[in-house]
Amino acid sequence: MTIFEILQTLNIPVAYGCFKDPTVEPPYLVFLGAGQTTMTADNTHYYRRNQYQVEYYFTEKNEETEAAIEQKLLDNGFLYSKSEDVYIETENVYVIYYNI
């Protein structure tokens, strides 16, 4: 299952990078590729894991939704770090960044 498919099961709009439809209202999720962790030796990759930044945009705090996102990540083997709530004044929206 891809990270996109995993996030879609939360029943929150989700897109890679940004939504092409400007009418999508928060809450929604956006994810971006953030590189890859690898372990190599003897000219071989022994381990590869893609890294992502998942962004949760919202206008009203909903800890149940945050908990659902976090549980979904954990259930699918993703360890994450979570940012504080960041207010984006120009958009009148909050965002939480999950680095996985």
PDB file of N, CA and C in Angstrom:
ATOM      1  N   MET A   1       0.844  -1.179   0.000  1.00  0.00           N
ATOM      2  CA  MET A   1       0.000   0.000   0.000  1.00  0.00           C
ATOM      3  C   MET A   1       0.890   1.244   0.000  1.00  0.00           C
ATOM      4  N   THR A   2       0.585   2.215  -0.844  1.00  0.00           N
ATOM      5  CA  THR A   2       1.380   3.447  -0.901  1.00  0.00           C
ATOM      6  C   THR A   2       0.950   4.408   0.205  1.00  0.00           C
ATOM      7  N   ILE A   3       1.794   5.401   0.472  1.00  0.00           N
ATOM      8  CA  ILE A   3       1.436   6.410   1.478  1.00  0.00           C
ATOM      9  C   ILE A   3       0.152   7.128   1.073  1.00  0.00           C
ATOM     10  N   PHE A   4      -0.047   7.366  -0.216  1.00  0.00           N
ATOM     11  CA  PHE A   4      -1.274   8.009  -0.699  1.00  0.00           C
ATOM     12  C   PHE A   4      -2.487   7.147  -0.370  1.00  0.00           C
ATOM     13  N   GLU A   5      -2.416   5.871  -0.637  1.00  0.00           N
ATOM     14  CA  GLU A   5      -3.537   4.968  -0.353  1.00  0.00           C
ATOM     15  C   GLU A   5      -3.811   4.879   1.144  1.00  0.00           C
ATOM     16  N   ILE A   6      -2.758   4.870   1.937  1.00  0.00           N
ATOM     17  CA  ILE A   6      -2.912   4.823   3.394  1.00  0.00           C
ATOM     18  C   ILE A   6      -3.630   6.072   3.890  1.00  0.00           C
ATOM     19  N   LEU A   7      -3.199   7.250   3.433  1.00  0.00           N
ATOM     20  CA  LEU A   7      -3.818   8.501   3.872  1.00  0.00           C
ATOM     21  C   LEU A   7      -5.253   8.627   3.383  1.00  0.00           C
ATOM     22  N   GLN A   8      -5.560   8.077   2.210  1.00  0.00           N
ATOM     23  CA  GLN A   8      -6.928   8.136   1.691  1.00  0.00           C
ATOM     24  C   GLN A   8      -7.918   7.413   2.587  1.00  0.00           C
ATOM     25  N   THR A   9      -7.484   6.407   3.314  1.00  0.00           N
ATOM     26  CA  THR A   9      -8.395   5.654   4.180  1.00  0.00           C
ATOM     27  C   THR A   9      -8.891   6.479   5.365  1.00  0.00           C
ATOM     28  N   LEU A  10      -8.313   7.653   5.577  1.00  0.00           N
ATOM     29  CA  LEU A  10      -8.747   8.530   6.666  1.00  0.00           C
ATOM     30  C   LEU A  10      -9.998   9.331   6.312  1.00  0.00           C
ATOM     31  N   ASN A  11     -10.424   9.262   5.059  1.00  0.00           N
ATOM     32  CA  ASN A  11     -11.603  10.006   4.588  1.00  0.00           C
ATOM     33  C   ASN A  11     -11.458  11.510   4.768  1.00  0.00           C
ATOM     34  N   ILE A  12     -10.235  11.984   4.554  1.00  0.00           N
ATOM     35  CA  ILE A  12      -9.915  13.409   4.530  1.00  0.00           C
ATOM     36  C   ILE A  12      -9.334  13.648   3.141  1.00  0.00           C
ATOM     37  N   PRO A  13      -9.684  14.729   2.461  1.00  0.00           N
ATOM     38  CA  PRO A  13      -9.078  14.976   1.148  1.00  0.00           C
ATOM     39  C   PRO A  13      -7.551  14.957   1.248  1.00  0.00           C
ATOM     40  N   VAL A  14      -6.896  14.305   0.276  1.00  0.00           N
ATOM     41  CA  VAL A  14      -5.440  14.187   0.297  1.00  0.00           C
ATOM     42  C   VAL A  14      -4.901  14.383  -1.115  1.00  0.00           C
ATOM     43  N   ALA A  15      -3.746  15.040  -1.205  1.00  0.00           N
ATOM     44  CA  ALA A  15      -3.120  15.285  -2.506  1.00  0.00           C
ATOM     45  C   ALA A  15      -1.610  15.267  -2.340  1.00  0.00           C
ATOM     46  N   TYR A  16      -0.922  14.990  -3.436  1.00  0.00           N
ATOM     47  CA  TYR A  16       0.534  15.103  -3.452  1.00  0.00           C
ATOM     48  C   TYR A  16       0.896  16.531  -3.847  1.00  0.00           C
ATOM     49  N   GLY A  17       1.644  17.216  -3.015  1.00  0.00           N
ATOM     50  CA  GLY A  17       2.137  18.560  -3.319  1.00  0.00           C
ATOM     51  C   GLY A  17       1.129  19.657  -3.053  1.00  0.00           C
ATOM     52  N   CYS A  18       0.040  19.658  -3.797  1.00  0.00           N
ATOM     53  CA  CYS A  18      -1.009  20.656  -3.609  1.00  0.00           C
ATOM     54  C   CYS A  18      -2.263  20.184  -4.340  1.00  0.00           C
ATOM     55  N   PHE A  19      -3.379  20.767  -3.997  1.00  0.00           N
ATOM     56  CA  PHE A  19      -4.628  20.466  -4.688  1.00  0.00           C
ATOM     57  C   PHE A  19      -4.722  21.313  -5.949  1.00  0.00           C
ATOM     58  N   LYS A  20      -5.097  20.690  -7.029  1.00  0.00           N
ATOM     59  CA  LYS A  20      -5.308  21.428  -8.280  1.00  0.00           C
ATOM     60  C   LYS A  20      -6.636  22.190  -8.247  1.00  0.00           C
ATOM     61  N   ASP A  21      -7.556  21.722  -7.404  1.00  0.00           N
ATOM     62  CA  ASP A  21      -8.859  22.359  -7.237  1.00  0.00           C
ATOM     63  C   ASP A  21      -8.776  23.349  -6.074  1.00  0.00           C
ATOM     64  N   PRO A  22      -8.829  24.651  -6.343  1.00  0.00           N
ATOM     65  CA  PRO A  22      -8.674  25.643  -5.266  1.00  0.00           C
ATOM     66  C   PRO A  22      -9.876  25.724  -4.328  1.00  0.00           C
ATOM     67  N   THR A  23     -10.948  25.004  -4.619  1.00  0.00           N
ATOM     68  CA  THR A  23     -12.134  25.078  -3.762  1.00  0.00           C
ATOM     69  C   THR A  23     -12.095  24.087  -2.604  1.00  0.00           C
ATOM     70  N   VAL A  24     -11.056  23.245  -2.522  1.00  0.00           N
ATOM     71  CA  VAL A  24     -10.949  22.287  -1.418  1.00  0.00           C
ATOM     72  C   VAL A  24     -10.739  23.060  -0.125  1.00  0.00           C
ATOM     73  N   GLU A  25     -11.589  22.793   0.847  1.00  0.00           N
ATOM     74  CA  GLU A  25     -11.536  23.489   2.141  1.00  0.00           C
ATOM     75  C   GLU A  25     -10.925  22.584   3.201  1.00  0.00           C
ATOM     76  N   PRO A  26     -10.220  23.159   4.183  1.00  0.00           N
ATOM     77  CA  PRO A  26      -9.681  22.366   5.284  1.00  0.00           C
ATOM     78  C   PRO A  26     -10.827  21.741   6.095  1.00  0.00           C
ATOM     79  N   PRO A  27     -10.598  20.603   6.714  1.00  0.00           N
ATOM     80  CA  PRO A  27      -9.310  19.939   6.864  1.00  0.00           C
ATOM     81  C   PRO A  27      -8.954  19.114   5.634  1.00  0.00           C
ATOM     82  N   TYR A  28      -7.651  19.046   5.360  1.00  0.00           N
ATOM     83  CA  TYR A  28      -7.139  18.196   4.294  1.00  0.00           C
ATOM     84  C   TYR A  28      -5.676  17.872   4.562  1.00  0.00           C
ATOM     85  N   LEU A  29      -5.178  16.878   3.828  1.00  0.00           N
ATOM     86  CA  LEU A  29      -3.795  16.430   3.949  1.00  0.00           C
ATOM     87  C   LEU A  29      -3.058  16.639   2.637  1.00  0.00           C
ATOM     88  N   VAL A  30      -1.815  17.027   2.729  1.00  0.00           N
ATOM     89  CA  VAL A  30      -0.923  17.126   1.584  1.00  0.00           C
ATOM     90  C   VAL A  30       0.350  16.384   1.983  1.00  0.00           C
ATOM     91  N   PHE A  31       0.914  15.620   1.063  1.00  0.00           N
ATOM     92  CA  PHE A  31       2.176  14.956   1.370  1.00  0.00           C
ATOM     93  C   PHE A  31       3.183  15.212   0.267  1.00  0.00           C
ATOM     94  N   LEU A  32       4.446  15.166   0.668  1.00  0.00           N
ATOM     95  CA  LEU A  32       5.571  15.404  -0.243  1.00  0.00           C
ATOM     96  C   LEU A  32       6.650  14.374   0.027  1.00  0.00           C
ATOM     97  N   GLY A  33       7.361  13.971  -1.008  1.00  0.00           N
ATOM     98  CA  GLY A  33       8.523  13.127  -0.820  1.00  0.00           C
ATOM     99  C   GLY A  33       9.617  13.930  -0.135  1.00  0.00           C
ATOM    100  N   ALA A  34      10.319  13.299   0.788  1.00  0.00           N
ATOM    101  CA  ALA A  34      11.360  13.994   1.541  1.00  0.00           C
ATOM    102  C   ALA A  34      12.668  13.201   1.541  1.00  0.00           C
ATOM    103  N   GLY A  35      12.935  12.535   0.427  1.00  0.00           N
ATOM    104  CA  GLY A  35      14.184  11.799   0.318  1.00  0.00           C
ATOM    105  C   GLY A  35      14.023  10.330   0.643  1.00  0.00           C
ATOM    106  N   GLN A  36      15.139   9.688   0.905  1.00  0.00           N
ATOM    107  CA  GLN A  36      15.135   8.254   1.175  1.00  0.00           C
ATOM    108  C   GLN A  36      16.249   7.915   2.151  1.00  0.00           C
ATOM    109  N   THR A  37      15.944   7.059   3.111  1.00  0.00           N
ATOM    110  CA  THR A  37      16.939   6.523   4.018  1.00  0.00           C
ATOM    111  C   THR A  37      17.456   5.226   3.413  1.00  0.00           C
ATOM    112  N   THR A  38      18.768   5.084   3.360  1.00  0.00           N
ATOM    113  CA  THR A  38      19.346   3.862   2.793  1.00  0.00           C
ATOM    114  C   THR A  38      20.475   3.350   3.665  1.00  0.00           C
ATOM    115  N   MET A  39      20.722   2.064   3.546  1.00  0.00           N
ATOM    116  CA  MET A  39      21.906   1.462   4.140  1.00  0.00           C
ATOM    117  C   MET A  39      22.591   0.702   3.016  1.00  0.00           C
ATOM    118  N   THR A  40      23.834   1.058   2.739  1.00  0.00           N
ATOM    119  CA  THR A  40      24.559   0.421   1.654  1.00  0.00           C
ATOM    120  C   THR A  40      25.895  -0.123   2.148  1.00  0.00           C
ATOM    121  N   ALA A  41      26.327  -1.168   1.474  1.00  0.00           N
ATOM    122  CA  ALA A  41      27.659  -1.738   1.713  1.00  0.00           C
ATOM    123  C   ALA A  41      27.988  -2.621   0.520  1.00  0.00           C
ATOM    124  N   ASP A  42      29.247  -2.721   0.214  1.00  0.00           N
ATOM    125  CA  ASP A  42      29.698  -3.593  -0.880  1.00  0.00           C
ATOM    126  C   ASP A  42      28.952  -3.304  -2.186  1.00  0.00           C
ATOM    127  N   ASN A  43      28.735  -2.032  -2.471  1.00  0.00           N
ATOM    128  CA  ASN A  43      28.052  -1.599  -3.696  1.00  0.00           C
ATOM    129  C   ASN A  43      26.629  -2.134  -3.827  1.00  0.00           C
ATOM    130  N   THR A  44      25.959  -2.360  -2.702  1.00  0.00           N
ATOM    131  CA  THR A  44      24.589  -2.880  -2.703  1.00  0.00           C
ATOM    132  C   THR A  44      23.743  -2.107  -1.696  1.00  0.00           C
ATOM    133  N   HIS A  45      22.499  -1.875  -2.048  1.00  0.00           N
ATOM    134  CA  HIS A  45      21.531  -1.310  -1.099  1.00  0.00           C
ATOM    135  C   HIS A  45      20.934  -2.461  -0.299  1.00  0.00           C
ATOM    136  N   TYR A  46      21.156  -2.432   1.002  1.00  0.00           N
ATOM    137  CA  TYR A  46      20.566  -3.456   1.857  1.00  0.00           C
ATOM    138  C   TYR A  46      19.227  -3.002   2.424  1.00  0.00           C
ATOM    139  N   TYR A  47      19.029  -1.700   2.469  1.00  0.00           N
ATOM    140  CA  TYR A  47      17.801  -1.157   3.060  1.00  0.00           C
ATOM    141  C   TYR A  47      17.483   0.151   2.360  1.00  0.00           C
ATOM    142  N   ARG A  48      16.217   0.333   1.984  1.00  0.00           N
ATOM    143  CA  ARG A  48      15.731   1.596   1.416  1.00  0.00           C
ATOM    144  C   ARG A  48      14.361   1.886   2.000  1.00  0.00           C
ATOM    145  N   ARG A  49      14.167   3.121   2.400  1.00  0.00           N
ATOM    146  CA  ARG A  49      12.853   3.526   2.904  1.00  0.00           C
ATOM    147  C   ARG A  49      12.617   4.969   2.498  1.00  0.00           C
ATOM    148  N   ASN A  50      11.528   5.184   1.771  1.00  0.00           N
ATOM    149  CA  ASN A  50      11.179   6.545   1.375  1.00  0.00           C
ATOM    150  C   ASN A  50      10.728   7.339   2.589  1.00  0.00           C
ATOM    151  N   GLN A  51      11.062   8.612   2.594  1.00  0.00           N
ATOM    152  CA  GLN A  51      10.648   9.522   3.657  1.00  0.00           C
ATOM    153  C   GLN A  51       9.640  10.504   3.077  1.00  0.00           C
ATOM    154  N   TYR A  52       8.729  10.954   3.926  1.00  0.00           N
ATOM    155  CA  TYR A  52       7.675  11.870   3.494  1.00  0.00           C
ATOM    156  C   TYR A  52       7.449  12.952   4.536  1.00  0.00           C
ATOM    157  N   GLN A  53       6.895  14.055   4.077  1.00  0.00           N
ATOM    158  CA  GLN A  53       6.348  15.064   4.968  1.00  0.00           C
ATOM    159  C   GLN A  53       4.855  15.093   4.707  1.00  0.00           C
ATOM    160  N   VAL A  54       4.084  14.814   5.742  1.00  0.00           N
ATOM    161  CA  VAL A  54       2.627  14.861   5.655  1.00  0.00           C
ATOM    162  C   VAL A  54       2.186  16.135   6.360  1.00  0.00           C
ATOM    163  N   GLU A  55       1.375  16.934   5.685  1.00  0.00           N
ATOM    164  CA  GLU A  55       0.913  18.210   6.226  1.00  0.00           C
ATOM    165  C   GLU A  55      -0.592  18.142   6.444  1.00  0.00           C
ATOM    166  N   TYR A  56      -1.015  18.383   7.672  1.00  0.00           N
ATOM    167  CA  TYR A  56      -2.434  18.375   8.036  1.00  0.00           C
ATOM    168  C   TYR A  56      -2.886  19.821   8.213  1.00  0.00           C
ATOM    169  N   TYR A  57      -3.731  20.297   7.301  1.00  0.00           N
ATOM    170  CA  TYR A  57      -4.243  21.668   7.331  1.00  0.00           C
ATOM    171  C   TYR A  57      -5.639  21.680   7.942  1.00  0.00           C
ATOM    172  N   PHE A  58      -5.892  22.655   8.823  1.00  0.00           N
ATOM    173  CA  PHE A  58      -7.192  22.736   9.488  1.00  0.00           C
ATOM    174  C   PHE A  58      -7.462  24.161   9.943  1.00  0.00           C
ATOM    175  N   THR A  59      -8.734  24.441  10.163  1.00  0.00           N
ATOM    176  CA  THR A  59      -9.128  25.751  10.699  1.00  0.00           C
ATOM    177  C   THR A  59      -9.608  25.630  12.143  1.00  0.00           C
ATOM    178  N   GLU A  60     -10.073  24.447  12.536  1.00  0.00           N
ATOM    179  CA  GLU A  60     -10.515  24.206  13.914  1.00  0.00           C
ATOM    180  C   GLU A  60      -9.775  22.998  14.457  1.00  0.00           C
ATOM    181  N   LYS A  61      -9.234  23.143  15.658  1.00  0.00           N
ATOM    182  CA  LYS A  61      -8.472  22.063  16.294  1.00  0.00           C
ATOM    183  C   LYS A  61      -9.368  20.844  16.495  1.00  0.00           C
ATOM    184  N   ASN A  62      -8.888  19.670  16.064  1.00  0.00           N
ATOM    185  CA  ASN A  62      -9.622  18.431  16.240  1.00  0.00           C
ATOM    186  C   ASN A  62      -8.622  17.345  16.624  1.00  0.00           C
ATOM    187  N   GLU A  63      -8.486  17.116  17.923  1.00  0.00           N
ATOM    188  CA  GLU A  63      -7.508  16.156  18.411  1.00  0.00           C
ATOM    189  C   GLU A  63      -7.852  14.727  18.015  1.00  0.00           C
ATOM    190  N   GLU A  64      -9.125  14.434  17.791  1.00  0.00           N
ATOM    191  CA  GLU A  64      -9.516  13.097  17.347  1.00  0.00           C
ATOM    192  C   GLU A  64      -8.980  12.821  15.936  1.00  0.00           C
ATOM    193  N   THR A  65      -9.056  13.821  15.071  1.00  0.00           N
ATOM    194  CA  THR A  65      -8.520  13.660  13.720  1.00  0.00           C
ATOM    195  C   THR A  65      -7.006  13.498  13.770  1.00  0.00           C
ATOM    196  N   GLU A  66      -6.345  14.295  14.583  1.00  0.00           N
ATOM    197  CA  GLU A  66      -4.892  14.161  14.734  1.00  0.00           C
ATOM    198  C   GLU A  66      -4.535  12.762  15.225  1.00  0.00           C
ATOM    199  N   ALA A  67      -5.274  12.266  16.209  1.00  0.00           N
ATOM    200  CA  ALA A  67      -5.015  10.928  16.748  1.00  0.00           C
ATOM    201  C   ALA A  67      -5.235   9.860  15.672  1.00  0.00           C
ATOM    202  N   ALA A  68      -6.251  10.044  14.829  1.00  0.00           N
ATOM    203  CA  ALA A  68      -6.527   9.085  13.756  1.00  0.00           C
ATOM    204  C   ALA A  68      -5.384   9.071  12.737  1.00  0.00           C
ATOM    205  N   ILE A  69      -4.879  10.243  12.388  1.00  0.00           N
ATOM    206  CA  ILE A  69      -3.745  10.338  11.458  1.00  0.00           C
ATOM    207  C   ILE A  69      -2.539   9.619  12.056  1.00  0.00           C
ATOM    208  N   GLU A  70      -2.246   9.918  13.305  1.00  0.00           N
ATOM    209  CA  GLU A  70      -1.078   9.337  13.963  1.00  0.00           C
ATOM    210  C   GLU A  70      -1.202   7.827  14.100  1.00  0.00           C
ATOM    211  N   GLN A  71      -2.389   7.343  14.444  1.00  0.00           N
ATOM    212  CA  GLN A  71      -2.592   5.905  14.578  1.00  0.00           C
ATOM    213  C   GLN A  71      -2.463   5.204  13.228  1.00  0.00           C
ATOM    214  N   LYS A  72      -2.972   5.839  12.177  1.00  0.00           N
ATOM    215  CA  LYS A  72      -2.874   5.266  10.828  1.00  0.00           C
ATOM    216  C   LYS A  72      -1.406   5.152  10.414  1.00  0.00           C
ATOM    217  N   LEU A  73      -0.609   6.166  10.719  1.00  0.00           N
ATOM    218  CA  LEU A  73       0.823   6.103  10.408  1.00  0.00           C
ATOM    219  C   LEU A  73       1.492   4.971  11.171  1.00  0.00           C
ATOM    220  N   LEU A  74       1.216   4.882  12.465  1.00  0.00           N
ATOM    221  CA  LEU A  74       1.823   3.834  13.286  1.00  0.00           C
ATOM    222  C   LEU A  74       1.374   2.442  12.846  1.00  0.00           C
ATOM    223  N   ASP A  75       0.090   2.292  12.549  1.00  0.00           N
ATOM    224  CA  ASP A  75      -0.440   0.989  12.119  1.00  0.00           C
ATOM    225  C   ASP A  75       0.209   0.494  10.839  1.00  0.00           C
ATOM    226  N   ASN A  76       0.735   1.413  10.044  1.00  0.00           N
ATOM    227  CA  ASN A  76       1.361   1.051   8.779  1.00  0.00           C
ATOM    228  C   ASN A  76       2.887   1.115   8.828  1.00  0.00           C
ATOM    229  N   GLY A  77       3.423   1.125  10.047  1.00  0.00           N
ATOM    230  CA  GLY A  77       4.863   1.014  10.219  1.00  0.00           C
ATOM    231  C   GLY A  77       5.650   2.291  10.049  1.00  0.00           C
ATOM    232  N   PHE A  78       4.982   3.439  10.088  1.00  0.00           N
ATOM    233  CA  PHE A  78       5.675   4.719   9.942  1.00  0.00           C
ATOM    234  C   PHE A  78       5.885   5.366  11.308  1.00  0.00           C
ATOM    235  N   LEU A  79       7.144   5.552  11.679  1.00  0.00           N
ATOM    236  CA  LEU A  79       7.452   6.370  12.846  1.00  0.00           C
ATOM    237  C   LEU A  79       7.437   7.813  12.380  1.00  0.00           C
ATOM    238  N   TYR A  80       7.051   8.728  13.226  1.00  0.00           N
ATOM    239  CA  TYR A  80       6.919  10.117  12.800  1.00  0.00           C
ATOM    240  C   TYR A  80       7.375  11.068  13.890  1.00  0.00           C
ATOM    241  N   SER A  81       7.719  12.271  13.472  1.00  0.00           N
ATOM    242  CA  SER A  81       7.871  13.388  14.403  1.00  0.00           C
ATOM    243  C   SER A  81       6.795  14.396  14.025  1.00  0.00           C
ATOM    244  N   LYS A  82       6.284  15.087  15.010  1.00  0.00           N
ATOM    245  CA  LYS A  82       5.132  15.982  14.827  1.00  0.00           C
ATOM    246  C   LYS A  82       5.522  17.398  15.236  1.00  0.00           C
ATOM    247  N   SER A  83       5.151  18.363  14.400  1.00  0.00           N
ATOM    248  CA  SER A  83       5.424  19.767  14.724  1.00  0.00           C
ATOM    249  C   SER A  83       4.334  20.321  15.628  1.00  0.00           C
ATOM    250  N   GLU A  84       4.553  21.526  16.072  1.00  0.00           N
ATOM    251  CA  GLU A  84       3.504  22.262  16.772  1.00  0.00           C
ATOM    252  C   GLU A  84       2.465  22.732  15.745  1.00  0.00           C
ATOM    253  N   ASP A  85       1.350  23.261  16.220  1.00  0.00           N
ATOM    254  CA  ASP A  85       0.370  23.881  15.327  1.00  0.00           C
ATOM    255  C   ASP A  85       0.983  25.178  14.807  1.00  0.00           C
ATOM    256  N   VAL A  86       1.081  25.302  13.499  1.00  0.00           N
ATOM    257  CA  VAL A  86       1.672  26.483  12.873  1.00  0.00           C
ATOM    258  C   VAL A  86       0.554  27.257  12.179  1.00  0.00           C
ATOM    259  N   TYR A  87       0.397  28.520  12.529  1.00  0.00           N
ATOM    260  CA  TYR A  87      -0.633  29.353  11.910  1.00  0.00           C
ATOM    261  C   TYR A  87      -0.056  30.040  10.681  1.00  0.00           C
ATOM    262  N   ILE A  88      -0.770  29.897   9.569  1.00  0.00           N
ATOM    263  CA  ILE A  88      -0.380  30.572   8.324  1.00  0.00           C
ATOM    264  C   ILE A  88      -1.358  31.724   8.128  1.00  0.00           C
ATOM    265  N   GLU A  89      -0.926  32.910   8.494  1.00  0.00           N
ATOM    266  CA  GLU A  89      -1.804  34.078   8.528  1.00  0.00           C
ATOM    267  C   GLU A  89      -2.376  34.423   7.161  1.00  0.00           C
ATOM    268  N   THR A  90      -1.584  34.315   6.118  1.00  0.00           N
ATOM    269  CA  THR A  90      -2.062  34.689   4.785  1.00  0.00           C
ATOM    270  C   THR A  90      -3.162  33.758   4.278  1.00  0.00           C
ATOM    271  N   GLU A  91      -3.211  32.538   4.800  1.00  0.00           N
ATOM    272  CA  GLU A  91      -4.227  31.568   4.388  1.00  0.00           C
ATOM    273  C   GLU A  91      -5.321  31.400   5.435  1.00  0.00           C
ATOM    274  N   ASN A  92      -5.120  31.971   6.626  1.00  0.00           N
ATOM    275  CA  ASN A  92      -6.058  31.834   7.737  1.00  0.00           C
ATOM    276  C   ASN A  92      -6.313  30.361   8.056  1.00  0.00           C
ATOM    277  N   VAL A  93      -5.217  29.608   8.170  1.00  0.00           N
ATOM    278  CA  VAL A  93      -5.295  28.167   8.388  1.00  0.00           C
ATOM    279  C   VAL A  93      -4.120  27.735   9.261  1.00  0.00           C
ATOM    280  N   TYR A  94      -4.290  26.626   9.961  1.00  0.00           N
ATOM    281  CA  TYR A  94      -3.216  26.022  10.744  1.00  0.00           C
ATOM    282  C   TYR A  94      -2.697  24.806  10.009  1.00  0.00           C
ATOM    283  N   VAL A  95      -1.451  24.434  10.293  1.00  0.00           N
ATOM    284  CA  VAL A  95      -0.873  23.214   9.714  1.00  0.00           C
ATOM    285  C   VAL A  95      -0.022  22.520  10.771  1.00  0.00           C
ATOM    286  N   ILE A  96      -0.066  21.194  10.743  1.00  0.00           N
ATOM    287  CA  ILE A  96       0.826  20.367  11.539  1.00  0.00           C
ATOM    288  C   ILE A  96       1.637  19.552  10.543  1.00  0.00           C
ATOM    289  N   TYR A  97       2.953  19.509  10.755  1.00  0.00           N
ATOM    290  CA  TYR A  97       3.848  18.755   9.876  1.00  0.00           C
ATOM    291  C   TYR A  97       4.225  17.441  10.549  1.00  0.00           C
ATOM    292  N   TYR A  98       4.021  16.353   9.843  1.00  0.00           N
ATOM    293  CA  TYR A  98       4.477  15.036  10.278  1.00  0.00           C
ATOM    294  C   TYR A  98       5.624  14.619   9.376  1.00  0.00           C
ATOM    295  N   ASN A  99       6.777  14.394   9.942  1.00  0.00           N
ATOM    296  CA  ASN A  99       7.919  13.911   9.164  1.00  0.00           C
ATOM    297  C   ASN A  99       8.060  12.419   9.411  1.00  0.00           C
ATOM    298  N   ILE A 100       7.945  11.647   8.329  1.00  0.00           N
ATOM    299  CA  ILE A 100       7.991  10.190   8.471  1.00  0.00           C
ATOM    300  C   ILE A 100       9.032   9.610   7.526  1.00  0.00           C
TER     301      ILE A 100
END
